[in-house]
Amino acid sequence: MAEASKAIREFFDAYASATGSLDLAWLGSAYGETFMFASPGGVQAVRRDDFLKVVPKRGAFFKAAGLVVSEI
């Protein structure tokens, strides 16, 4: 169990780093070709390629809003 917990922690640490640096290659490797995305507005299927197109815009939005870093 400790190994699984370590691997999960390492994944989310890497995910947070990739999100902060807009590492599209790493983020692309973390998602399936199509995945479920949930928000307050509901749940929808999203294509990985479509998601990766909006990641830079999302990053710019968060930066403009004053977000410096995210921690998971």
Protein backbone atom coordinates (compact mmCIF):
# COMPACT_ATOMS: atom_id res chain seq x y z
CA MET A 1 0.00 0.00 0.00
CA ALA A 2 2.83 2.42 0.76
CA GLU A 3 4.21 1.97 -2.78
CA ALA A 4 0.81 2.76 -4.29
CA SER A 5 0.48 5.83 -2.09
CA LYS A 6 3.96 6.97 -3.11
CA ALA A 7 3.19 6.48 -6.81
CA ILE A 8 -0.09 8.37 -6.49
CA ARG A 9 1.60 11.27 -4.65
CA GLU A 10 4.34 11.40 -7.30
CA PHE A 11 1.73 11.44 -10.08
CA PHE A 12 -0.18 14.35 -8.55
CA ASP A 13 3.02 16.26 -7.77
CA ALA A 14 4.04 15.85 -11.43
CA TYR A 15 0.52 16.83 -12.55
CA ALA A 16 0.67 20.03 -10.49
CA SER A 17 4.09 20.84 -11.91
CA ALA A 18 2.95 20.18 -15.50
CA THR A 19 -0.12 22.35 -14.95
CA GLY A 20 2.00 25.20 -13.60
CA SER A 21 4.50 25.04 -16.45
CA LEU A 22 1.90 24.27 -19.14
CA ASP A 23 3.76 21.08 -20.07
CA LEU A 24 1.34 19.93 -22.76
CA ALA A 25 3.32 16.78 -23.57
CA TRP A 26 3.13 15.57 -19.97
CA LEU A 27 -0.52 16.56 -19.58
CA GLY A 28 -1.35 14.76 -22.82
CA SER A 29 0.22 11.59 -21.45
CA ALA A 30 -1.93 11.81 -18.32
CA TYR A 31 -5.27 11.63 -20.15
CA GLY A 32 -6.96 9.04 -22.30
CA GLU A 33 -8.02 9.85 -25.85
CA THR A 34 -11.45 10.78 -24.43
CA PHE A 35 -12.15 11.41 -20.75
CA MET A 36 -14.92 12.65 -18.49
CA PHE A 37 -14.69 16.24 -17.25
CA ALA A 38 -16.82 17.41 -14.34
CA SER A 39 -17.61 21.00 -13.40
CA PRO A 40 -20.37 22.77 -11.49
CA GLY A 41 -22.25 22.87 -14.81
CA GLY A 42 -22.26 19.10 -15.23
CA VAL A 43 -20.25 16.28 -16.74
CA GLN A 44 -19.17 15.87 -20.33
CA ALA A 45 -16.90 13.73 -22.46
CA VAL A 46 -13.84 15.67 -23.67
CA ARG A 47 -11.34 14.73 -26.35
CA ARG A 48 -7.73 14.97 -25.16
CA ASP A 49 -6.69 17.02 -28.20
CA ASP A 50 -9.48 19.54 -27.57
CA PHE A 51 -8.50 19.78 -23.90
CA LEU A 52 -4.84 20.42 -24.77
CA LYS A 53 -5.89 23.27 -27.07
CA VAL A 54 -7.54 25.14 -24.18
CA VAL A 55 -4.89 24.50 -21.53
CA PRO A 56 -2.81 27.58 -22.50
CA LYS A 57 -5.95 29.75 -22.42
CA ARG A 58 -6.84 28.29 -19.02
CA GLY A 59 -3.32 29.05 -17.80
CA ALA A 60 -3.59 32.66 -18.98
CA PHE A 61 -6.98 33.02 -17.29
CA PHE A 62 -5.65 31.72 -13.97
CA LYS A 63 -2.56 33.95 -14.19
CA ALA A 64 -4.74 37.02 -14.92
CA ALA A 65 -6.87 36.13 -11.90
CA GLY A 66 -3.74 36.14 -9.71
CA LEU A 67 -3.26 32.39 -9.26
CA VAL A 68 0.41 31.73 -8.66
CA VAL A 69 0.50 28.01 -7.90
CA SER A 70 -1.87 25.10 -7.43
CA GLU A 71 -1.35 22.26 -5.00
CA ILE A 72 -3.12 18.96 -5.11
